[in-house]
């Protein structure tokens, strides 16, 4: 029952994003760079030598899930077939285990959608 309610909450979040525009559109890249510091222990944003404990995130927006060469993705991550969009990343950063049950990422999710939006805006700004 809890899992069903959690999935409904995620669906409601996605519906709100569609109706009211993407939270990533209002994100702040500078604030996102600061918020990303908590991600930097496991993820790199460097184009060269990208992988750490987690896969590199340089160029993640528009990239197929689990497609970065040289990284061993969890079966949960490798089993999905979609491309990372700003909205999908925001949803994942706020509810990783609900969006991709079984992911190995040991992160419970960001409690504030604003932080997720800022991080995604920061990642989108990397070129």
C-alpha atoms as a PDB file:
ATOM      1  CA  UNK A   1       0.000   0.000   0.000  1.00  0.00           C
ATOM      2  CA  UNK A   2       2.828   2.402   0.891  1.00  0.00           C
ATOM      3  CA  UNK A   3       4.558   1.653  -2.414  1.00  0.00           C
ATOM      4  CA  UNK A   4       1.340   2.403  -4.336  1.00  0.00           C
ATOM      5  CA  UNK A   5       0.923   5.718  -2.502  1.00  0.00           C
ATOM      6  CA  UNK A   6       4.568   6.615  -3.145  1.00  0.00           C
ATOM      7  CA  UNK A   7       4.160   5.929  -6.859  1.00  0.00           C
ATOM      8  CA  UNK A   8       1.002   8.063  -6.886  1.00  0.00           C
ATOM      9  CA  UNK A   9       2.958  10.904  -5.265  1.00  0.00           C
ATOM     10  CA  UNK A  10       5.627  10.676  -7.947  1.00  0.00           C
ATOM     11  CA  UNK A  11       2.960  10.623 -10.660  1.00  0.00           C
ATOM     12  CA  UNK A  12       1.327  13.692  -9.097  1.00  0.00           C
ATOM     13  CA  UNK A  13       4.712  15.462  -9.133  1.00  0.00           C
ATOM     14  CA  UNK A  14       5.179  14.689 -12.825  1.00  0.00           C
ATOM     15  CA  UNK A  15       1.643  15.887 -13.640  1.00  0.00           C
ATOM     16  CA  UNK A  16       2.280  19.154 -11.779  1.00  0.00           C
ATOM     17  CA  UNK A  17       5.520  19.618 -13.710  1.00  0.00           C
ATOM     18  CA  UNK A  18       3.688  19.185 -17.010  1.00  0.00           C
ATOM     19  CA  UNK A  19       0.844  21.524 -16.042  1.00  0.00           C
ATOM     20  CA  UNK A  20       2.959  24.259 -14.477  1.00  0.00           C
ATOM     21  CA  UNK A  21       6.192  23.953 -16.428  1.00  0.00           C
ATOM     22  CA  UNK A  22       9.382  22.225 -15.540  1.00  0.00           C
ATOM     23  CA  UNK A  23      10.979  23.160 -12.214  1.00  0.00           C
ATOM     24  CA  UNK A  24      14.328  22.936 -14.024  1.00  0.00           C
ATOM     25  CA  UNK A  25      13.335  25.943 -16.101  1.00  0.00           C
ATOM     26  CA  UNK A  26      13.391  28.053 -12.951  1.00  0.00           C
ATOM     27  CA  UNK A  27      16.583  26.512 -11.550  1.00  0.00           C
ATOM     28  CA  UNK A  28      19.672  28.485 -10.582  1.00  0.00           C
ATOM     29  CA  UNK A  29      22.948  26.993 -11.871  1.00  0.00           C
ATOM     30  CA  UNK A  30      25.080  28.786  -9.262  1.00  0.00           C
ATOM     31  CA  UNK A  31      22.965  27.437  -6.411  1.00  0.00           C
ATOM     32  CA  UNK A  32      23.001  24.078  -8.173  1.00  0.00           C
ATOM     33  CA  UNK A  33      26.810  24.008  -8.211  1.00  0.00           C
ATOM     34  CA  UNK A  34      26.786  24.523  -4.449  1.00  0.00           C
ATOM     35  CA  UNK A  35      24.078  21.906  -3.898  1.00  0.00           C
ATOM     36  CA  UNK A  36      25.979  19.467  -6.135  1.00  0.00           C
ATOM     37  CA  UNK A  37      28.816  19.344  -3.604  1.00  0.00           C
ATOM     38  CA  UNK A  38      26.964  16.594  -1.745  1.00  0.00           C
ATOM     39  CA  UNK A  39      26.861  14.594  -4.993  1.00  0.00           C
ATOM     40  CA  UNK A  40      30.547  15.153  -5.821  1.00  0.00           C
ATOM     41  CA  UNK A  41      31.776  12.444  -3.452  1.00  0.00           C
ATOM     42  CA  UNK A  42      30.351   9.847  -5.855  1.00  0.00           C
ATOM     43  CA  UNK A  43      29.794  11.666  -9.162  1.00  0.00           C
ATOM     44  CA  UNK A  44      32.113  13.645 -11.413  1.00  0.00           C
ATOM     45  CA  UNK A  45      31.131  16.398 -13.809  1.00  0.00           C
ATOM     46  CA  UNK A  46      34.420  16.198 -15.714  1.00  0.00           C
ATOM     47  CA  UNK A  47      34.182  15.154 -19.350  1.00  0.00           C
ATOM     48  CA  UNK A  48      37.476  13.261 -19.180  1.00  0.00           C
ATOM     49  CA  UNK A  49      37.765  10.384 -16.685  1.00  0.00           C
ATOM     50  CA  UNK A  50      34.139  10.737 -15.605  1.00  0.00           C
ATOM     51  CA  UNK A  51      33.388   7.714 -13.428  1.00  0.00           C
ATOM     52  CA  UNK A  52      33.828   7.546  -9.676  1.00  0.00           C
ATOM     53  CA  UNK A  53      31.732   5.401  -7.313  1.00  0.00           C
ATOM     54  CA  UNK A  54      28.791   6.602  -9.426  1.00  0.00           C
ATOM     55  CA  UNK A  55      28.721   7.337 -13.146  1.00  0.00           C
ATOM     56  CA  UNK A  56      29.905  10.670 -14.504  1.00  0.00           C
ATOM     57  CA  UNK A  57      27.193  13.262 -14.966  1.00  0.00           C
ATOM     58  CA  UNK A  58      28.785  15.478 -17.623  1.00  0.00           C
ATOM     59  CA  UNK A  59      26.326  15.529 -20.533  1.00  0.00           C
ATOM     60  CA  UNK A  60      23.715  13.466 -18.697  1.00  0.00           C
ATOM     61  CA  UNK A  61      20.743  15.427 -20.050  1.00  0.00           C
ATOM     62  CA  UNK A  62      19.770  13.825 -23.324  1.00  0.00           C
ATOM     63  CA  UNK A  63      21.814  10.686 -22.600  1.00  0.00           C
ATOM     64  CA  UNK A  64      20.245   7.233 -22.516  1.00  0.00           C
ATOM     65  CA  UNK A  65      20.076   5.782 -19.005  1.00  0.00           C
ATOM     66  CA  UNK A  66      22.936   3.392 -18.164  1.00  0.00           C
ATOM     67  CA  UNK A  67      24.862   4.164 -21.351  1.00  0.00           C
ATOM     68  CA  UNK A  68      28.108   5.723 -20.107  1.00  0.00           C
ATOM     69  CA  UNK A  69      31.006   3.461 -21.152  1.00  0.00           C
ATOM     70  CA  UNK A  70      33.140   1.951 -18.433  1.00  0.00           C
ATOM     71  CA  UNK A  71      30.591   1.994 -15.631  1.00  0.00           C
ATOM     72  CA  UNK A  72      28.862  -1.080 -14.196  1.00  0.00           C
ATOM     73  CA  UNK A  73      25.249  -0.038 -13.694  1.00  0.00           C
ATOM     74  CA  UNK A  74      22.847  -1.821 -11.356  1.00  0.00           C
ATOM     75  CA  UNK A  75      20.442  -4.273 -13.000  1.00  0.00           C
ATOM     76  CA  UNK A  76      17.608  -1.859 -12.125  1.00  0.00           C
ATOM     77  CA  UNK A  77      19.312   1.011 -13.963  1.00  0.00           C
ATOM     78  CA  UNK A  78      20.383  -1.173 -16.899  1.00  0.00           C
ATOM     79  CA  UNK A  79      16.854  -2.543 -17.356  1.00  0.00           C
ATOM     80  CA  UNK A  80      15.163   0.765 -18.183  1.00  0.00           C
ATOM     81  CA  UNK A  81      15.001   2.310 -21.617  1.00  0.00           C
ATOM     82  CA  UNK A  82      14.649   6.064 -21.544  1.00  0.00           C
ATOM     83  CA  UNK A  83      16.695   9.217 -21.919  1.00  0.00           C
ATOM     84  CA  UNK A  84      17.492  11.517 -19.008  1.00  0.00           C
ATOM     85  CA  UNK A  85      15.485  14.706 -19.344  1.00  0.00           C
ATOM     86  CA  UNK A  86      15.523  17.572 -16.868  1.00  0.00           C
ATOM     87  CA  UNK A  87      12.148  16.520 -15.461  1.00  0.00           C
ATOM     88  CA  UNK A  88      13.165  12.871 -15.112  1.00  0.00           C
ATOM     89  CA  UNK A  89      16.372  13.871 -13.334  1.00  0.00           C
ATOM     90  CA  UNK A  90      14.456  16.109 -10.927  1.00  0.00           C
ATOM     91  CA  UNK A  91      12.032  13.286 -10.157  1.00  0.00           C
ATOM     92  CA  UNK A  92      14.913  10.837  -9.695  1.00  0.00           C
ATOM     93  CA  UNK A  93      16.863  13.185  -7.427  1.00  0.00           C
ATOM     94  CA  UNK A  94      13.856  13.673  -5.180  1.00  0.00           C
ATOM     95  CA  UNK A  95      12.676  10.016  -5.174  1.00  0.00           C
ATOM     96  CA  UNK A  96      15.473   7.730  -6.498  1.00  0.00           C
ATOM     97  CA  UNK A  97      14.190   4.446  -5.048  1.00  0.00           C
ATOM     98  CA  UNK A  98      10.623   5.163  -6.162  1.00  0.00           C
ATOM     99  CA  UNK A  99      11.595   6.153  -9.692  1.00  0.00           C
ATOM    100  CA  UNK A 100      14.037   3.252 -10.142  1.00  0.00           C
ATOM    101  CA  UNK A 101      13.436   0.625  -7.449  1.00  0.00           C
ATOM    102  CA  UNK A 102      16.591  -1.392  -6.889  1.00  0.00           C
ATOM    103  CA  UNK A 103      19.042   1.313  -7.872  1.00  0.00           C
ATOM    104  CA  UNK A 104      22.337   0.941  -6.003  1.00  0.00           C
ATOM    105  CA  UNK A 105      22.620   4.659  -5.373  1.00  0.00           C
ATOM    106  CA  UNK A 106      22.728   4.933  -1.554  1.00  0.00           C
ATOM    107  CA  UNK A 107      20.892   8.236  -1.485  1.00  0.00           C
ATOM    108  CA  UNK A 108      17.430   8.778  -0.063  1.00  0.00           C
ATOM    109  CA  UNK A 109      16.674  11.770  -2.279  1.00  0.00           C
ATOM    110  CA  UNK A 110      16.579  15.521  -1.935  1.00  0.00           C
ATOM    111  CA  UNK A 111      13.810  16.811   0.285  1.00  0.00           C
ATOM    112  CA  UNK A 112      13.449  20.087  -1.624  1.00  0.00           C
ATOM    113  CA  UNK A 113      12.482  20.058  -5.305  1.00  0.00           C
ATOM    114  CA  UNK A 114      14.171  23.475  -5.577  1.00  0.00           C
ATOM    115  CA  UNK A 115      17.545  21.855  -4.777  1.00  0.00           C
ATOM    116  CA  UNK A 116      16.934  19.181  -7.416  1.00  0.00           C
ATOM    117  CA  UNK A 117      15.932  21.819  -9.961  1.00  0.00           C
ATOM    118  CA  UNK A 118      19.062  23.852  -9.219  1.00  0.00           C
ATOM    119  CA  UNK A 119      21.331  20.798  -9.543  1.00  0.00           C
ATOM    120  CA  UNK A 120      19.734  19.823 -12.855  1.00  0.00           C
ATOM    121  CA  UNK A 121      20.097  23.391 -14.135  1.00  0.00           C
ATOM    122  CA  UNK A 122      23.770  23.261 -13.108  1.00  0.00           C
ATOM    123  CA  UNK A 123      24.278  19.943 -14.905  1.00  0.00           C
ATOM    124  CA  UNK A 124      22.547  21.336 -18.011  1.00  0.00           C
ATOM    125  CA  UNK A 125      24.910  24.327 -17.983  1.00  0.00           C
ATOM    126  CA  UNK A 126      28.030  22.161 -18.277  1.00  0.00           C
ATOM    127  CA  UNK A 127      29.284  22.133 -21.827  1.00  0.00           C
END
